[in-house]
Amino acid sequence: MSASSQPFSDTLRQFSSSFHGDVLRPDSEGYETARKVWNGMIDRRPAVIARCKSVGDVQSAIRLGRENEVPIAIRGGGHNAAGLAVCDDGIVIDLGGMRDVVVDPERRVARAGGGATWGDFDRATAAHGLATTGGLISSTGIGGLTLGGGLGWLMRSYGMACDNLVSAEVVTADERVLRASADSNADLFWALRGGGGNFGVVTSFEYALHPVSTIFGGMLLYPIDRAREVLRLYRDVTRSAPDALTVFAAMIPARTSPRRHRENHPGSTA
């Protein structure tokens, strides 16, 4: 069934009246901003964006999609390069309204809503001198990164983000709310820690935390003509690097600086 059909439109009106979050349609104020994701090349137009505030809202949005046979996309931080957080002519379940982070410093665990970013998470845990392996960029959502494994600066000392996942609250396609952990729904817990996708909507994550105080870090930039030399050095350093050191290498295109441009083209002006 098309999401633009009249029966779906009638159903959507009923849905909007009982949904506690915000329901955005193509003619709603804020829709154009809400449908955008980090990758600017992704240009998709969902029939509705359901901005959830609770687990009950997530259940309602799943029911809407299932009963009307329209596609569903799940949005946490919206940072996935492939644009998986948005779809055409379907429903986006936006978890951006579920971003609370609660830290238990005694147990060294933190529970975070499925829409939280690593910036939200790190601010809350750093206040207690604690941290876990998270994303390299603060605007990345905890959900997509953790469910994809989760590379981060602390991973050589404490493992990837998924290694630090203690439990997850999941809403399944039939609207059940399950707790997945090593001793509860263990098969689902295994799946969430690297088994792929489409197992449900994770509405909250619980992570193990570690004492973290001083961190030294930064970026070293070299011109492309030194790439061979730099990558060889990177290879040699990482062969024997201690677990406390995490190093990434990347080839990044950069805009030519005005000064470099003038040197290459003496007749030009900045």
C-alpha atoms as a PDB file:
ATOM      1  CA  MET A   1       0.000   0.000   0.000  1.00  0.00           C
ATOM      2  CA  SER A   2       1.324   3.440  -0.876  1.00  0.00           C
ATOM      3  CA  ALA A   3       1.919   5.766   2.046  1.00  0.00           C
ATOM      4  CA  SER A   4       0.230   8.525   0.037  1.00  0.00           C
ATOM      5  CA  SER A   5      -3.043   6.627  -0.403  1.00  0.00           C
ATOM      6  CA  GLN A   6      -6.250   7.936   1.157  1.00  0.00           C
ATOM      7  CA  PRO A   7      -6.704   5.002   3.582  1.00  0.00           C
ATOM      8  CA  PHE A   8      -3.209   5.586   4.953  1.00  0.00           C
ATOM      9  CA  SER A   9      -3.900   9.306   5.297  1.00  0.00           C
ATOM     10  CA  ASP A  10      -7.020   8.550   7.320  1.00  0.00           C
ATOM     11  CA  THR A  11      -5.081   6.135   9.522  1.00  0.00           C
ATOM     12  CA  LEU A  12      -2.333   8.714   9.986  1.00  0.00           C
ATOM     13  CA  ARG A  13      -4.809  11.261  11.327  1.00  0.00           C
ATOM     14  CA  GLN A  14      -5.944   8.764  13.938  1.00  0.00           C
ATOM     15  CA  PHE A  15      -2.318   7.942  14.748  1.00  0.00           C
ATOM     16  CA  SER A  16      -1.437  11.608  15.235  1.00  0.00           C
ATOM     17  CA  SER A  17      -4.232  12.088  17.749  1.00  0.00           C
ATOM     18  CA  SER A  18      -2.880   9.376  20.085  1.00  0.00           C
ATOM     19  CA  PHE A  19       0.883   9.808  19.523  1.00  0.00           C
ATOM     20  CA  HIS A  20       2.634  11.698  22.325  1.00  0.00           C
ATOM     21  CA  GLY A  21       5.597  12.923  20.290  1.00  0.00           C
ATOM     22  CA  ASP A  22       5.615  15.102  17.176  1.00  0.00           C
ATOM     23  CA  VAL A  23       4.274  13.853  13.847  1.00  0.00           C
ATOM     24  CA  LEU A  24       5.758  15.603  10.822  1.00  0.00           C
ATOM     25  CA  ARG A  25       4.353  15.258   7.315  1.00  0.00           C
ATOM     26  CA  PRO A  26       5.679  16.862   4.093  1.00  0.00           C
ATOM     27  CA  ASP A  27       3.555  19.962   4.684  1.00  0.00           C
ATOM     28  CA  SER A  28       4.541  20.295   8.382  1.00  0.00           C
ATOM     29  CA  GLU A  29       6.791  23.042   9.676  1.00  0.00           C
ATOM     30  CA  GLY A  30      10.211  21.558  10.362  1.00  0.00           C
ATOM     31  CA  TYR A  31       9.781  18.591   8.026  1.00  0.00           C
ATOM     32  CA  GLU A  32      12.519  19.667   5.599  1.00  0.00           C
ATOM     33  CA  THR A  33      15.055  19.987   8.403  1.00  0.00           C
ATOM     34  CA  ALA A  34      13.960  16.769  10.122  1.00  0.00           C
ATOM     35  CA  ARG A  35      14.344  14.635   6.994  1.00  0.00           C
ATOM     36  CA  LYS A  36      17.979  15.639   6.437  1.00  0.00           C
ATOM     37  CA  VAL A  37      20.813  13.398   7.579  1.00  0.00           C
ATOM     38  CA  TRP A  38      24.562  13.873   7.931  1.00  0.00           C
ATOM     39  CA  ASN A  39      25.303  12.755   4.363  1.00  0.00           C
ATOM     40  CA  GLY A  40      24.082  15.665   2.240  1.00  0.00           C
ATOM     41  CA  MET A  41      23.863  13.450  -0.861  1.00  0.00           C
ATOM     42  CA  ILE A  42      20.917  11.560   0.672  1.00  0.00           C
ATOM     43  CA  ASP A  43      17.659  13.207  -0.430  1.00  0.00           C
ATOM     44  CA  ARG A  44      14.692  11.093   0.664  1.00  0.00           C
ATOM     45  CA  ARG A  45      11.166  12.121   1.517  1.00  0.00           C
ATOM     46  CA  PRO A  46       9.330   9.984   4.085  1.00  0.00           C
ATOM     47  CA  ALA A  47       5.542  10.105   4.292  1.00  0.00           C
ATOM     48  CA  VAL A  48       5.783  10.774   8.010  1.00  0.00           C
ATOM     49  CA  ILE A  49       8.476  11.404  10.612  1.00  0.00           C
ATOM     50  CA  ALA A  50       7.401  10.146  14.041  1.00  0.00           C
ATOM     51  CA  ARG A  51       9.471  11.901  16.703  1.00  0.00           C
ATOM     52  CA  CYS A  52       9.114   9.530  19.622  1.00  0.00           C
ATOM     53  CA  LYS A  53       9.215  10.548  23.280  1.00  0.00           C
ATOM     54  CA  SER A  54       8.636   7.142  24.838  1.00  0.00           C
ATOM     55  CA  VAL A  55       8.708   3.400  24.267  1.00  0.00           C
ATOM     56  CA  GLY A  56       4.931   3.581  23.779  1.00  0.00           C
ATOM     57  CA  ASP A  57       5.446   6.014  20.896  1.00  0.00           C
ATOM     58  CA  VAL A  58       7.882   3.591  19.277  1.00  0.00           C
ATOM     59  CA  GLN A  59       5.361   0.773  19.590  1.00  0.00           C
ATOM     60  CA  SER A  60       2.663   2.933  17.983  1.00  0.00           C
ATOM     61  CA  ALA A  61       4.920   3.886  15.068  1.00  0.00           C
ATOM     62  CA  ILE A  62       5.889   0.255  14.451  1.00  0.00           C
ATOM     63  CA  ARG A  63       2.207  -0.705  14.454  1.00  0.00           C
ATOM     64  CA  LEU A  64       1.428   2.049  11.956  1.00  0.00           C
ATOM     65  CA  GLY A  65       4.050   0.780   9.546  1.00  0.00           C
ATOM     66  CA  ARG A  66       3.201  -2.897   9.943  1.00  0.00           C
ATOM     67  CA  GLU A  67      -0.562  -2.523   9.567  1.00  0.00           C
ATOM     68  CA  ASN A  68      -0.213  -0.301   6.500  1.00  0.00           C
ATOM     69  CA  GLU A  69       2.691  -2.237   4.951  1.00  0.00           C
ATOM     70  CA  VAL A  70       4.918   0.788   4.480  1.00  0.00           C
ATOM     71  CA  PRO A  71       8.699   0.840   4.968  1.00  0.00           C
ATOM     72  CA  ILE A  72      10.203   1.946   8.278  1.00  0.00           C
ATOM     73  CA  ALA A  73      13.562   3.619   8.907  1.00  0.00           C
ATOM     74  CA  ILE A  74      15.036   4.122  12.378  1.00  0.00           C
ATOM     75  CA  ARG A  75      16.828   7.353  13.165  1.00  0.00           C
ATOM     76  CA  GLY A  76      19.167   7.760  16.111  1.00  0.00           C
ATOM     77  CA  GLY A  77      21.869  10.322  15.412  1.00  0.00           C
ATOM     78  CA  GLY A  78      21.305  10.270  11.628  1.00  0.00           C
ATOM     79  CA  HIS A  79      25.046   9.993  11.009  1.00  0.00           C
ATOM     80  CA  ASN A  80      25.171   6.780   8.952  1.00  0.00           C
ATOM     81  CA  ALA A  81      26.882   7.556   5.647  1.00  0.00           C
ATOM     82  CA  ALA A  82      24.512   5.291   3.699  1.00  0.00           C
ATOM     83  CA  GLY A  83      21.519   7.319   4.884  1.00  0.00           C
ATOM     84  CA  LEU A  84      19.745   4.380   6.536  1.00  0.00           C
ATOM     85  CA  ALA A  85      17.984   6.733   8.964  1.00  0.00           C
ATOM     86  CA  VAL A  86      15.532   7.962   6.317  1.00  0.00           C
ATOM     87  CA  CYS A  87      13.391   6.359   3.615  1.00  0.00           C
ATOM     88  CA  ASP A  88      11.132   7.409   0.742  1.00  0.00           C
ATOM     89  CA  ASP A  89       7.348   7.205   1.204  1.00  0.00           C
ATOM     90  CA  GLY A  90       7.577   5.448   4.542  1.00  0.00           C
ATOM     91  CA  ILE A  91       7.830   6.115   8.258  1.00  0.00           C
ATOM     92  CA  VAL A  92      10.907   7.429  10.041  1.00  0.00           C
ATOM     93  CA  ILE A  93      10.939   6.460  13.707  1.00  0.00           C
ATOM     94  CA  ASP A  94      13.005   9.331  15.090  1.00  0.00           C
ATOM     95  CA  LEU A  95      14.465   8.632  18.544  1.00  0.00           C
ATOM     96  CA  GLY A  96      15.896  12.133  18.921  1.00  0.00           C
ATOM     97  CA  GLY A  97      13.468  12.855  21.767  1.00  0.00           C
ATOM     98  CA  MET A  98      14.887   9.957  23.807  1.00  0.00           C
ATOM     99  CA  ARG A  99      18.383  11.188  24.679  1.00  0.00           C
ATOM    100  CA  ASP A 100      18.598  11.017  28.479  1.00  0.00           C
ATOM    101  CA  VAL A 101      21.803   9.552  29.934  1.00  0.00           C
ATOM    102  CA  VAL A 102      21.744   8.264  33.526  1.00  0.00           C
ATOM    103  CA  VAL A 103      25.065   7.333  35.154  1.00  0.00           C
ATOM    104  CA  ASP A 104      25.509   5.000  38.109  1.00  0.00           C
ATOM    105  CA  PRO A 105      29.079   5.760  39.218  1.00  0.00           C
ATOM    106  CA  GLU A 106      29.042   3.076  41.916  1.00  0.00           C
ATOM    107  CA  ARG A 107      28.230   0.278  39.483  1.00  0.00           C
ATOM    108  CA  ARG A 108      30.181   2.010  36.696  1.00  0.00           C
ATOM    109  CA  VAL A 109      27.352   1.730  34.199  1.00  0.00           C
ATOM    110  CA  ALA A 110      25.369   4.253  32.180  1.00  0.00           C
ATOM    111  CA  ARG A 111      21.953   3.898  30.598  1.00  0.00           C
ATOM    112  CA  ALA A 112      21.253   6.051  27.553  1.00  0.00           C
ATOM    113  CA  GLY A 113      18.215   6.598  25.352  1.00  0.00           C
ATOM    114  CA  GLY A 114      18.368   5.308  21.792  1.00  0.00           C
ATOM    115  CA  GLY A 115      18.485   8.838  20.356  1.00  0.00           C
ATOM    116  CA  ALA A 116      21.502   9.985  22.366  1.00  0.00           C
ATOM    117  CA  THR A 117      24.712  11.042  20.656  1.00  0.00           C
ATOM    118  CA  TRP A 118      28.208  10.332  21.914  1.00  0.00           C
ATOM    119  CA  GLY A 119      28.428  14.000  22.863  1.00  0.00           C
ATOM    120  CA  ASP A 120      25.414  13.546  25.165  1.00  0.00           C
ATOM    121  CA  PHE A 121      26.908  10.369  26.594  1.00  0.00           C
ATOM    122  CA  ASP A 122      30.438  11.661  27.163  1.00  0.00           C
ATOM    123  CA  ARG A 123      29.256  14.839  28.884  1.00  0.00           C
ATOM    124  CA  ALA A 124      27.274  12.779  31.397  1.00  0.00           C
ATOM    125  CA  THR A 125      29.959  10.174  32.114  1.00  0.00           C
ATOM    126  CA  ALA A 126      32.924  12.581  32.159  1.00  0.00           C
ATOM    127  CA  ALA A 127      31.378  14.341  35.151  1.00  0.00           C
ATOM    128  CA  HIS A 128      32.186  11.168  37.118  1.00  0.00           C
ATOM    129  CA  GLY A 129      35.619  10.539  35.591  1.00  0.00           C
ATOM    130  CA  LEU A 130      34.217   7.609  33.606  1.00  0.00           C
ATOM    131  CA  ALA A 131      33.936   6.723  29.926  1.00  0.00           C
ATOM    132  CA  THR A 132      33.439   3.883  27.488  1.00  0.00           C
ATOM    133  CA  THR A 133      34.476   3.325  23.885  1.00  0.00           C
ATOM    134  CA  GLY A 134      32.354   5.641  21.756  1.00  0.00           C
ATOM    135  CA  GLY A 135      32.434   7.332  18.406  1.00  0.00           C
ATOM    136  CA  LEU A 136      35.231   9.430  16.978  1.00  0.00           C
ATOM    137  CA  ILE A 137      32.797  12.303  16.360  1.00  0.00           C
ATOM    138  CA  SER A 138      30.529  13.707  19.079  1.00  0.00           C
ATOM    139  CA  SER A 139      27.477  14.096  16.815  1.00  0.00           C
ATOM    140  CA  THR A 140      27.397  10.375  15.973  1.00  0.00           C
ATOM    141  CA  GLY A 141      24.453   8.532  17.527  1.00  0.00           C
ATOM    142  CA  ILE A 142      25.204   5.825  20.075  1.00  0.00           C
ATOM    143  CA  GLY A 143      22.701   3.456  18.438  1.00  0.00           C
ATOM    144  CA  GLY A 144      24.056   3.055  14.939  1.00  0.00           C
ATOM    145  CA  LEU A 145      27.664   2.988  16.074  1.00  0.00           C
ATOM    146  CA  THR A 146      27.147   0.397  18.819  1.00  0.00           C
ATOM    147  CA  LEU A 147      24.977  -1.891  16.687  1.00  0.00           C
ATOM    148  CA  GLY A 148      27.625  -1.749  13.979  1.00  0.00           C
ATOM    149  CA  GLY A 149      30.427  -2.766  16.343  1.00  0.00           C
ATOM    150  CA  GLY A 150      31.683   0.649  17.357  1.00  0.00           C
ATOM    151  CA  LEU A 151      35.238   1.822  16.720  1.00  0.00           C
ATOM    152  CA  GLY A 152      36.502   4.489  19.090  1.00  0.00           C
ATOM    153  CA  TRP A 153      39.529   6.044  20.746  1.00  0.00           C
ATOM    154  CA  LEU A 154      39.426   3.763  23.806  1.00  0.00           C
ATOM    155  CA  MET A 155      38.944   0.493  21.944  1.00  0.00           C
ATOM    156  CA  ARG A 156      42.519  -0.826  22.290  1.00  0.00           C
ATOM    157  CA  SER A 157      42.218  -0.549  26.061  1.00  0.00           C
ATOM    158  CA  TYR A 158      38.560  -1.467  26.580  1.00  0.00           C
ATOM    159  CA  GLY A 159      37.282  -3.079  23.378  1.00  0.00           C
ATOM    160  CA  MET A 160      34.737  -1.742  20.916  1.00  0.00           C
ATOM    161  CA  ALA A 161      31.431  -0.130  21.876  1.00  0.00           C
ATOM    162  CA  CYS A 162      29.538  -3.412  21.444  1.00  0.00           C
ATOM    163  CA  ASP A 163      31.993  -5.137  23.809  1.00  0.00           C
ATOM    164  CA  ASN A 164      30.924  -2.707  26.526  1.00  0.00           C
ATOM    165  CA  LEU A 165      27.197  -3.156  25.969  1.00  0.00           C
ATOM    166  CA  VAL A 166      25.677  -4.626  29.150  1.00  0.00           C
ATOM    167  CA  SER A 167      22.036  -4.712  28.084  1.00  0.00           C
ATOM    168  CA  ALA A 168      19.554  -3.192  25.643  1.00  0.00           C
ATOM    169  CA  GLU A 169      15.839  -2.490  25.666  1.00  0.00           C
ATOM    170  CA  VAL A 170      14.385  -3.524  22.317  1.00  0.00           C
ATOM    171  CA  VAL A 171      10.951  -3.084  20.735  1.00  0.00           C
ATOM    172  CA  THR A 172      10.407  -5.884  18.233  1.00  0.00           C
ATOM    173  CA  ALA A 173       8.314  -5.884  15.062  1.00  0.00           C
ATOM    174  CA  ASP A 174       5.360  -7.330  16.995  1.00  0.00           C
ATOM    175  CA  GLU A 175       5.656  -4.493  19.549  1.00  0.00           C
ATOM    176  CA  ARG A 176       7.038  -6.590  22.379  1.00  0.00           C
ATOM    177  CA  VAL A 177       9.471  -4.820  24.704  1.00  0.00           C
ATOM    178  CA  LEU A 178      12.407  -7.092  25.519  1.00  0.00           C
ATOM    179  CA  ARG A 179      15.510  -6.752  27.633  1.00  0.00           C
ATOM    180  CA  ALA A 180      18.520  -8.286  25.929  1.00  0.00           C
ATOM    181  CA  SER A 181      21.612  -9.157  27.941  1.00  0.00           C
ATOM    182  CA  ALA A 182      23.990 -12.035  28.551  1.00  0.00           C
ATOM    183  CA  ASP A 183      21.392 -13.747  30.759  1.00  0.00           C
ATOM    184  CA  SER A 184      18.130 -12.526  29.219  1.00  0.00           C
ATOM    185  CA  ASN A 185      17.251 -13.094  25.544  1.00  0.00           C
ATOM    186  CA  ALA A 186      20.880 -13.966  25.000  1.00  0.00           C
ATOM    187  CA  ASP A 187      20.392 -14.757  21.302  1.00  0.00           C
ATOM    188  CA  LEU A 188      19.027 -11.277  20.678  1.00  0.00           C
ATOM    189  CA  PHE A 189      21.873  -9.791  22.703  1.00  0.00           C
ATOM    190  CA  TRP A 190      24.360 -11.662  20.513  1.00  0.00           C
ATOM    191  CA  ALA A 191      22.618 -10.347  17.388  1.00  0.00           C
ATOM    192  CA  LEU A 192      22.702  -6.737  18.579  1.00  0.00           C
ATOM    193  CA  ARG A 193      26.449  -6.973  19.165  1.00  0.00           C
ATOM    194  CA  GLY A 194      27.399  -7.449  15.532  1.00  0.00           C
ATOM    195  CA  GLY A 195      24.856  -9.844  14.023  1.00  0.00           C
ATOM    196  CA  GLY A 196      23.531  -7.396  11.421  1.00  0.00           C
ATOM    197  CA  GLY A 197      20.281  -5.411  11.441  1.00  0.00           C
ATOM    198  CA  ASN A 198      16.485  -5.553  11.535  1.00  0.00           C
ATOM    199  CA  PHE A 199      16.164  -7.136  14.974  1.00  0.00           C
ATOM    200  CA  GLY A 200      14.067  -4.331  16.415  1.00  0.00           C
ATOM    201  CA  VAL A 201      14.265  -0.754  17.657  1.00  0.00           C
ATOM    202  CA  VAL A 202      16.703  -0.303  20.538  1.00  0.00           C
ATOM    203  CA  THR A 203      15.166   2.322  22.799  1.00  0.00           C
ATOM    204  CA  SER A 204      17.940   2.308  25.416  1.00  0.00           C
ATOM    205  CA  PHE A 205      21.481   1.016  25.864  1.00  0.00           C
ATOM    206  CA  GLU A 206      23.338   0.165  29.062  1.00  0.00           C
ATOM    207  CA  TYR A 207      27.134   0.324  28.958  1.00  0.00           C
ATOM    208  CA  ALA A 208      30.011  -0.640  31.221  1.00  0.00           C
ATOM    209  CA  LEU A 209      32.160   2.361  32.156  1.00  0.00           C
ATOM    210  CA  HIS A 210      35.873   2.673  32.908  1.00  0.00           C
ATOM    211  CA  PRO A 211      37.899   5.224  34.881  1.00  0.00           C
ATOM    212  CA  VAL A 212      39.384   7.693  32.388  1.00  0.00           C
ATOM    213  CA  SER A 213      41.227  10.849  33.422  1.00  0.00           C
ATOM    214  CA  THR A 214      43.850  12.452  31.188  1.00  0.00           C
ATOM    215  CA  ILE A 215      43.839  11.775  27.456  1.00  0.00           C
ATOM    216  CA  PHE A 216      46.377  13.050  24.957  1.00  0.00           C
ATOM    217  CA  GLY A 217      45.238  13.258  21.356  1.00  0.00           C
ATOM    218  CA  GLY A 218      45.270  15.248  18.192  1.00  0.00           C
ATOM    219  CA  MET A 219      45.674  15.183  14.431  1.00  0.00           C
ATOM    220  CA  LEU A 220      48.859  15.237  12.371  1.00  0.00           C
ATOM    221  CA  LEU A 221      48.478  16.373   8.758  1.00  0.00           C
ATOM    222  CA  TYR A 222      50.951  15.702   5.962  1.00  0.00           C
ATOM    223  CA  PRO A 223      50.892  16.542   2.243  1.00  0.00           C
ATOM    224  CA  ILE A 224      50.022  13.744  -0.161  1.00  0.00           C
ATOM    225  CA  ASP A 225      53.547  13.578  -1.528  1.00  0.00           C
ATOM    226  CA  ARG A 226      54.691  12.227   1.857  1.00  0.00           C
ATOM    227  CA  ALA A 227      52.012   9.499   1.968  1.00  0.00           C
ATOM    228  CA  ARG A 228      54.373   6.575   1.399  1.00  0.00           C
ATOM    229  CA  GLU A 229      56.750   7.740   4.125  1.00  0.00           C
ATOM    230  CA  VAL A 230      53.957   8.452   6.625  1.00  0.00           C
ATOM    231  CA  LEU A 231      52.109   5.179   6.062  1.00  0.00           C
ATOM    232  CA  ARG A 232      55.333   3.218   6.511  1.00  0.00           C
ATOM    233  CA  LEU A 233      55.904   5.018   9.813  1.00  0.00           C
ATOM    234  CA  TYR A 234      52.299   4.288  10.801  1.00  0.00           C
ATOM    235  CA  ARG A 235      52.857   0.589  10.044  1.00  0.00           C
ATOM    236  CA  ASP A 236      56.031   0.466  12.126  1.00  0.00           C
ATOM    237  CA  VAL A 237      54.533   2.321  15.109  1.00  0.00           C
ATOM    238  CA  THR A 238      51.352   0.261  15.268  1.00  0.00           C
ATOM    239  CA  ARG A 239      53.245  -3.043  15.153  1.00  0.00           C
ATOM    240  CA  SER A 240      54.446  -2.516  18.712  1.00  0.00           C
ATOM    241  CA  ALA A 241      52.139   0.191  20.055  1.00  0.00           C
ATOM    242  CA  PRO A 242      50.860  -0.287  23.637  1.00  0.00           C
ATOM    243  CA  ASP A 243      47.145  -0.889  24.185  1.00  0.00           C
ATOM    244  CA  ALA A 244      46.772   2.634  25.553  1.00  0.00           C
ATOM    245  CA  LEU A 245      47.566   4.077  22.109  1.00  0.00           C
ATOM    246  CA  THR A 246      44.904   4.150  19.407  1.00  0.00           C
ATOM    247  CA  VAL A 247      46.003   5.490  16.025  1.00  0.00           C
ATOM    248  CA  PHE A 248      44.042   5.933  12.801  1.00  0.00           C
ATOM    249  CA  ALA A 249      45.400   6.758   9.350  1.00  0.00           C
ATOM    250  CA  ALA A 250      43.276   8.339   6.640  1.00  0.00           C
ATOM    251  CA  MET A 251      43.687   9.926   3.210  1.00  0.00           C
ATOM    252  CA  ILE A 252      41.585  13.076   3.332  1.00  0.00           C
ATOM    253  CA  PRO A 253      40.994  15.460   0.411  1.00  0.00           C
ATOM    254  CA  ALA A 254      41.417  19.066   1.519  1.00  0.00           C
ATOM    255  CA  ARG A 255      40.765  22.397  -0.115  1.00  0.00           C
ATOM    256  CA  THR A 256      43.937  24.176  -1.233  1.00  0.00           C
ATOM    257  CA  SER A 257      44.778  27.058   1.104  1.00  0.00           C
ATOM    258  CA  PRO A 258      44.812  30.624  -0.367  1.00  0.00           C
ATOM    259  CA  ARG A 259      48.564  30.833   0.267  1.00  0.00           C
ATOM    260  CA  ARG A 260      49.273  27.537  -1.504  1.00  0.00           C
ATOM    261  CA  HIS A 261      46.980  28.618  -4.321  1.00  0.00           C
ATOM    262  CA  ARG A 262      48.902  31.866  -4.807  1.00  0.00           C
ATOM    263  CA  GLU A 263      52.220  30.022  -4.825  1.00  0.00           C
ATOM    264  CA  ASN A 264      50.984  27.708  -7.557  1.00  0.00           C
ATOM    265  CA  HIS A 265      49.338  30.531  -9.508  1.00  0.00           C
ATOM    266  CA  PRO A 266      51.392  33.731  -8.961  1.00  0.00           C
ATOM    267  CA  GLY A 267      48.995  35.841 -10.988  1.00  0.00           C
ATOM    268  CA  SER A 268      45.966  35.062  -8.819  1.00  0.00           C
ATOM    269  CA  THR A 269      44.657  36.832  -5.751  1.00  0.00           C
ATOM    270  CA  ALA A 270      43.116  35.362  -2.598  1.00  0.00           C
END
